[in-house]
PDB file of N, CA and C in Angstrom:
ATOM      1  N   UNK A   1     -17.747 -18.214   6.145  1.00  0.00           N
ATOM      2  CA  UNK A   1     -17.172 -17.530   7.279  1.00  0.00           C
ATOM      3  C   UNK A   1     -16.419 -18.510   8.160  1.00  0.00           C
ATOM      4  N   UNK A   2     -16.943 -19.729   8.265  1.00  0.00           N
ATOM      5  CA  UNK A   2     -16.291 -20.733   9.092  1.00  0.00           C
ATOM      6  C   UNK A   2     -14.941 -21.137   8.528  1.00  0.00           C
ATOM      7  N   UNK A   3     -14.814 -21.141   7.198  1.00  0.00           N
ATOM      8  CA  UNK A   3     -13.543 -21.534   6.596  1.00  0.00           C
ATOM      9  C   UNK A   3     -12.469 -20.479   6.844  1.00  0.00           C
ATOM     10  N   UNK A   4     -12.847 -19.214   6.879  1.00  0.00           N
ATOM     11  CA  UNK A   4     -11.883 -18.155   7.180  1.00  0.00           C
ATOM     12  C   UNK A   4     -11.425 -18.281   8.622  1.00  0.00           C
ATOM     13  N   UNK A   5     -12.364 -18.548   9.505  1.00  0.00           N
ATOM     14  CA  UNK A   5     -12.036 -18.710  10.920  1.00  0.00           C
ATOM     15  C   UNK A   5     -11.115 -19.915  11.119  1.00  0.00           C
ATOM     16  N   UNK A   6     -11.392 -21.011  10.419  1.00  0.00           N
ATOM     17  CA  UNK A   6     -10.562 -22.205  10.519  1.00  0.00           C
ATOM     18  C   UNK A   6      -9.171 -21.948   9.953  1.00  0.00           C
ATOM     19  N   UNK A   7      -9.091 -21.189   8.846  1.00  0.00           N
ATOM     20  CA  UNK A   7      -7.794 -20.870   8.258  1.00  0.00           C
ATOM     21  C   UNK A   7      -6.947 -20.046   9.211  1.00  0.00           C
ATOM     22  N   UNK A   8      -7.545 -19.035   9.817  1.00  0.00           N
ATOM     23  CA  UNK A   8      -6.808 -18.192  10.761  1.00  0.00           C
ATOM     24  C   UNK A   8      -6.365 -19.008  11.965  1.00  0.00           C
ATOM     25  N   UNK A   9      -7.242 -19.869  12.464  1.00  0.00           N
ATOM     26  CA  UNK A   9      -6.882 -20.713  13.603  1.00  0.00           C
ATOM     27  C   UNK A   9      -5.739 -21.652  13.249  1.00  0.00           C
ATOM     28  N   UNK A  10      -5.742 -22.205  12.026  1.00  0.00           N
ATOM     29  CA  UNK A  10      -4.660 -23.105  11.623  1.00  0.00           C
ATOM     30  C   UNK A  10      -3.350 -22.347  11.475  1.00  0.00           C
ATOM     31  N   UNK A  11      -3.406 -21.094  11.024  1.00  0.00           N
ATOM     32  CA  UNK A  11      -2.193 -20.298  10.887  1.00  0.00           C
ATOM     33  C   UNK A  11      -1.585 -19.970  12.247  1.00  0.00           C
ATOM     34  N   UNK A  12      -2.434 -19.785  13.230  1.00  0.00           N
ATOM     35  CA  UNK A  12      -1.943 -19.485  14.577  1.00  0.00           C
ATOM     36  C   UNK A  12      -1.314 -20.719  15.204  1.00  0.00           C
ATOM     37  N   UNK A  13      -1.906 -21.893  14.971  1.00  0.00           N
ATOM     38  CA  UNK A  13      -1.402 -23.130  15.563  1.00  0.00           C
ATOM     39  C   UNK A  13      -0.108 -23.609  14.922  1.00  0.00           C
ATOM     40  N   UNK A  14       0.007 -23.479  13.622  1.00  0.00           N
ATOM     41  CA  UNK A  14       1.154 -24.030  12.911  1.00  0.00           C
ATOM     42  C   UNK A  14       2.389 -23.169  13.090  1.00  0.00           C
ATOM     43  N   UNK A  15       3.538 -23.825  13.065  1.00  0.00           N
ATOM     44  CA  UNK A  15       4.792 -23.089  13.172  1.00  0.00           C
ATOM     45  C   UNK A  15       5.050 -22.285  11.905  1.00  0.00           C
ATOM     46  N   UNK A  16       4.650 -22.804  10.755  1.00  0.00           N
ATOM     47  CA  UNK A  16       4.826 -22.069   9.506  1.00  0.00           C
ATOM     48  C   UNK A  16       3.965 -20.813   9.489  1.00  0.00           C
ATOM     49  N   UNK A  17       2.884 -20.830  10.234  1.00  0.00           N
ATOM     50  CA  UNK A  17       2.009 -19.668  10.297  1.00  0.00           C
ATOM     51  C   UNK A  17       2.693 -18.476  10.936  1.00  0.00           C
ATOM     52  N   UNK A  18       3.625 -18.738  11.855  1.00  0.00           N
ATOM     53  CA  UNK A  18       4.348 -17.640  12.494  1.00  0.00           C
ATOM     54  C   UNK A  18       5.188 -16.892  11.467  1.00  0.00           C
ATOM     55  N   UNK A  19       5.811 -17.621  10.552  1.00  0.00           N
ATOM     56  CA  UNK A  19       6.605 -16.967   9.508  1.00  0.00           C
ATOM     57  C   UNK A  19       5.719 -16.143   8.588  1.00  0.00           C
ATOM     58  N   UNK A  20       4.581 -16.693   8.206  1.00  0.00           N
ATOM     59  CA  UNK A  20       3.697 -15.948   7.304  1.00  0.00           C
ATOM     60  C   UNK A  20       3.075 -14.751   8.020  1.00  0.00           C
ATOM     61  N   UNK A  21       2.805 -14.888   9.309  1.00  0.00           N
ATOM     62  CA  UNK A  21       2.271 -13.751  10.064  1.00  0.00           C
ATOM     63  C   UNK A  21       3.307 -12.635  10.162  1.00  0.00           C
ATOM     64  N   UNK A  22       4.547 -13.003  10.405  1.00  0.00           N
ATOM     65  CA  UNK A  22       5.611 -12.002  10.474  1.00  0.00           C
ATOM     66  C   UNK A  22       5.800 -11.330   9.118  1.00  0.00           C
ATOM     67  N   UNK A  23       5.740 -12.112   8.050  1.00  0.00           N
ATOM     68  CA  UNK A  23       5.865 -11.544   6.713  1.00  0.00           C
ATOM     69  C   UNK A  23       4.708 -10.608   6.416  1.00  0.00           C
ATOM     70  N   UNK A  24       3.509 -10.980   6.808  1.00  0.00           N
ATOM     71  CA  UNK A  24       2.335 -10.132   6.577  1.00  0.00           C
ATOM     72  C   UNK A  24       2.453  -8.821   7.351  1.00  0.00           C
ATOM     73  N   UNK A  25       2.961  -8.891   8.567  1.00  0.00           N
ATOM     74  CA  UNK A  25       3.144  -7.670   9.358  1.00  0.00           C
ATOM     75  C   UNK A  25       4.213  -6.780   8.731  1.00  0.00           C
ATOM     76  N   UNK A  26       5.288  -7.388   8.232  1.00  0.00           N
ATOM     77  CA  UNK A  26       6.335  -6.626   7.560  1.00  0.00           C
ATOM     78  C   UNK A  26       5.793  -5.968   6.302  1.00  0.00           C
ATOM     79  N   UNK A  27       5.029  -6.719   5.531  1.00  0.00           N
ATOM     80  CA  UNK A  27       4.439  -6.188   4.305  1.00  0.00           C
ATOM     81  C   UNK A  27       3.471  -5.045   4.609  1.00  0.00           C
ATOM     82  N   UNK A  28       2.689  -5.195   5.656  1.00  0.00           N
ATOM     83  CA  UNK A  28       1.780  -4.123   6.069  1.00  0.00           C
ATOM     84  C   UNK A  28       2.529  -2.880   6.505  1.00  0.00           C
ATOM     85  N   UNK A  29       3.641  -3.067   7.190  1.00  0.00           N
ATOM     86  CA  UNK A  29       4.454  -1.928   7.626  1.00  0.00           C
ATOM     87  C   UNK A  29       5.058  -1.199   6.429  1.00  0.00           C
ATOM     88  N   UNK A  30       5.525  -1.958   5.447  1.00  0.00           N
ATOM     89  CA  UNK A  30       6.084  -1.343   4.245  1.00  0.00           C
ATOM     90  C   UNK A  30       4.999  -0.569   3.495  1.00  0.00           C
ATOM     91  N   UNK A  31       3.816  -1.149   3.386  1.00  0.00           N
ATOM     92  CA  UNK A  31       2.709  -0.467   2.708  1.00  0.00           C
ATOM     93  C   UNK A  31       2.337   0.819   3.438  1.00  0.00           C
ATOM     94  N   UNK A  32       2.324   0.776   4.760  1.00  0.00           N
ATOM     95  CA  UNK A  32       2.009   1.978   5.540  1.00  0.00           C
ATOM     96  C   UNK A  32       3.088   3.046   5.356  1.00  0.00           C
ATOM     97  N   UNK A  33       4.345   2.617   5.289  1.00  0.00           N
ATOM     98  CA  UNK A  33       5.442   3.573   5.075  1.00  0.00           C
ATOM     99  C   UNK A  33       5.343   4.221   3.703  1.00  0.00           C
ATOM    100  N   UNK A  34       4.996   3.443   2.693  1.00  0.00           N
ATOM    101  CA  UNK A  34       4.846   3.992   1.343  1.00  0.00           C
ATOM    102  C   UNK A  34       3.684   4.973   1.294  1.00  0.00           C
ATOM    103  N   UNK A  35       2.575   4.614   1.919  1.00  0.00           N
ATOM    104  CA  UNK A  35       1.410   5.506   1.943  1.00  0.00           C
ATOM    105  C   UNK A  35       1.730   6.802   2.692  1.00  0.00           C
ATOM    106  N   UNK A  36       2.467   6.680   3.791  1.00  0.00           N
ATOM    107  CA  UNK A  36       2.848   7.878   4.551  1.00  0.00           C
ATOM    108  C   UNK A  36       3.783   8.767   3.743  1.00  0.00           C
ATOM    109  N   UNK A  37       4.741   8.161   3.052  1.00  0.00           N
ATOM    110  CA  UNK A  37       5.670   8.941   2.232  1.00  0.00           C
ATOM    111  C   UNK A  37       4.934   9.633   1.095  1.00  0.00           C
ATOM    112  N   UNK A  38       3.985   8.942   0.482  1.00  0.00           N
ATOM    113  CA  UNK A  38       3.219   9.548  -0.608  1.00  0.00           C
ATOM    114  C   UNK A  38       2.403  10.726  -0.101  1.00  0.00           C
ATOM    115  N   UNK A  39       1.819  10.588   1.076  1.00  0.00           N
ATOM    116  CA  UNK A  39       1.040  11.693   1.650  1.00  0.00           C
ATOM    117  C   UNK A  39       1.953  12.848   2.041  1.00  0.00           C
ATOM    118  N   UNK A  40       3.116  12.529   2.583  1.00  0.00           N
ATOM    119  CA  UNK A  40       4.054  13.561   3.019  1.00  0.00           C
ATOM    120  C   UNK A  40       4.613  14.337   1.828  1.00  0.00           C
ATOM    121  N   UNK A  41       4.884  13.639   0.743  1.00  0.00           N
ATOM    122  CA  UNK A  41       5.457  14.276  -0.438  1.00  0.00           C
ATOM    123  C   UNK A  41       4.411  14.910  -1.339  1.00  0.00           C
ATOM    124  N   UNK A  42       3.158  14.770  -0.994  1.00  0.00           N
ATOM    125  CA  UNK A  42       2.042  15.341  -1.756  1.00  0.00           C
ATOM    126  C   UNK A  42       2.122  14.922  -3.221  1.00  0.00           C
ATOM    127  N   UNK A  43       2.139  13.624  -3.441  1.00  0.00           N
ATOM    128  CA  UNK A  43       2.270  13.072  -4.786  1.00  0.00           C
ATOM    129  C   UNK A  43       1.121  13.534  -5.676  1.00  0.00           C
ATOM    130  N   UNK A  44      -0.072  13.590  -5.144  1.00  0.00           N
ATOM    131  CA  UNK A  44      -1.218  14.024  -5.944  1.00  0.00           C
ATOM    132  C   UNK A  44      -1.039  15.460  -6.417  1.00  0.00           C
ATOM    133  N   UNK A  45      -0.534  16.308  -5.557  1.00  0.00           N
ATOM    134  CA  UNK A  45      -0.296  17.699  -5.936  1.00  0.00           C
ATOM    135  C   UNK A  45       0.752  17.823  -7.028  1.00  0.00           C
ATOM    136  N   UNK A  46       1.775  16.973  -6.967  1.00  0.00           N
ATOM    137  CA  UNK A  46       2.832  16.999  -7.982  1.00  0.00           C
ATOM    138  C   UNK A  46       2.244  16.621  -9.338  1.00  0.00           C
ATOM    139  N   UNK A  47       1.458  15.548  -9.381  1.00  0.00           N
ATOM    140  CA  UNK A  47       0.877  15.122 -10.648  1.00  0.00           C
ATOM    141  C   UNK A  47      -0.143  16.122 -11.160  1.00  0.00           C
ATOM    142  N   UNK A  48      -0.884  16.753 -10.282  1.00  0.00           N
ATOM    143  CA  UNK A  48      -1.845  17.773 -10.695  1.00  0.00           C
ATOM    144  C   UNK A  48      -1.115  18.965 -11.310  1.00  0.00           C
ATOM    145  N   UNK A  49      -0.043  19.373 -10.661  1.00  0.00           N
ATOM    146  CA  UNK A  49       0.747  20.495 -11.164  1.00  0.00           C
ATOM    147  C   UNK A  49       1.376  20.166 -12.512  1.00  0.00           C
ATOM    148  N   UNK A  50       1.945  18.985 -12.627  1.00  0.00           N
ATOM    149  CA  UNK A  50       2.561  18.579 -13.890  1.00  0.00           C
ATOM    150  C   UNK A  50       1.514  18.482 -14.993  1.00  0.00           C
ATOM    151  N   UNK A  51       0.358  17.941 -14.664  1.00  0.00           N
ATOM    152  CA  UNK A  51      -0.714  17.805 -15.646  1.00  0.00           C
ATOM    153  C   UNK A  51      -1.190  19.146 -16.163  1.00  0.00           C
ATOM    154  N   UNK A  52      -1.335  20.103 -15.246  1.00  0.00           N
ATOM    155  CA  UNK A  52      -1.805  21.422 -15.686  1.00  0.00           C
ATOM    156  C   UNK A  52      -0.748  22.113 -16.547  1.00  0.00           C
ATOM    157  N   UNK A  53       0.534  21.918 -16.249  1.00  0.00           N
ATOM    158  CA  UNK A  53       1.595  22.496 -17.069  1.00  0.00           C
ATOM    159  C   UNK A  53       1.635  21.866 -18.452  1.00  0.00           C
ATOM    160  N   UNK A  54       1.441  20.571 -18.525  1.00  0.00           N
ATOM    161  CA  UNK A  54       1.424  19.891 -19.825  1.00  0.00           C
ATOM    162  C   UNK A  54       0.227  20.365 -20.640  1.00  0.00           C
ATOM    163  N   UNK A  55      -0.920  20.475 -20.015  1.00  0.00           N
ATOM    164  CA  UNK A  55      -2.111  20.960 -20.723  1.00  0.00           C
ATOM    165  C   UNK A  55      -1.917  22.395 -21.212  1.00  0.00           C
ATOM    166  N   UNK A  56      -1.247  23.221 -20.403  1.00  0.00           N
ATOM    167  CA  UNK A  56      -0.984  24.603 -20.819  1.00  0.00           C
ATOM    168  C   UNK A  56      -0.025  24.629 -22.003  1.00  0.00           C
ATOM    169  N   UNK A  57       0.962  23.753 -22.009  1.00  0.00           N
ATOM    170  CA  UNK A  57       1.892  23.691 -23.135  1.00  0.00           C
ATOM    171  C   UNK A  57       1.189  23.237 -24.404  1.00  0.00           C
ATOM    172  N   UNK A  58       0.300  22.262 -24.252  1.00  0.00           N
ATOM    173  CA  UNK A  58      -0.447  21.761 -25.414  1.00  0.00           C
ATOM    174  C   UNK A  58      -1.373  22.839 -25.956  1.00  0.00           C
ATOM    175  N   UNK A  59      -2.050  23.554 -25.071  1.00  0.00           N
ATOM    176  CA  UNK A  59      -2.994  24.604 -25.494  1.00  0.00           C
ATOM    177  C   UNK A  59      -2.253  25.782 -26.122  1.00  0.00           C
ATOM    178  N   UNK A  60      -1.018  26.035 -25.688  1.00  0.00           N
ATOM    179  CA  UNK A  60      -0.249  27.165 -26.200  1.00  0.00           C
ATOM    180  C   UNK A  60       0.369  26.908 -27.565  1.00  0.00           C
ATOM    181  N   UNK A  61       0.455  25.668 -27.975  1.00  0.00           N
ATOM    182  CA  UNK A  61       1.137  25.398 -29.244  1.00  0.00           C
ATOM    183  C   UNK A  61       0.239  25.311 -30.410  1.00  0.00           C
TER     184      UNK A  61
END
């Protein structure tokens, strides 16, 4: 636990840490946008619907 605390403290102190922190925040924002878009577009519902149609086609043939 102490090594994680020391790593975070070193990232805050160092100038290079500011770049990595900004990149991490950007990456987190992109991940949140992708998750929001997936929820908005109901991706799970699309795959469920497609799966049931494929299974119906297979069962019908």
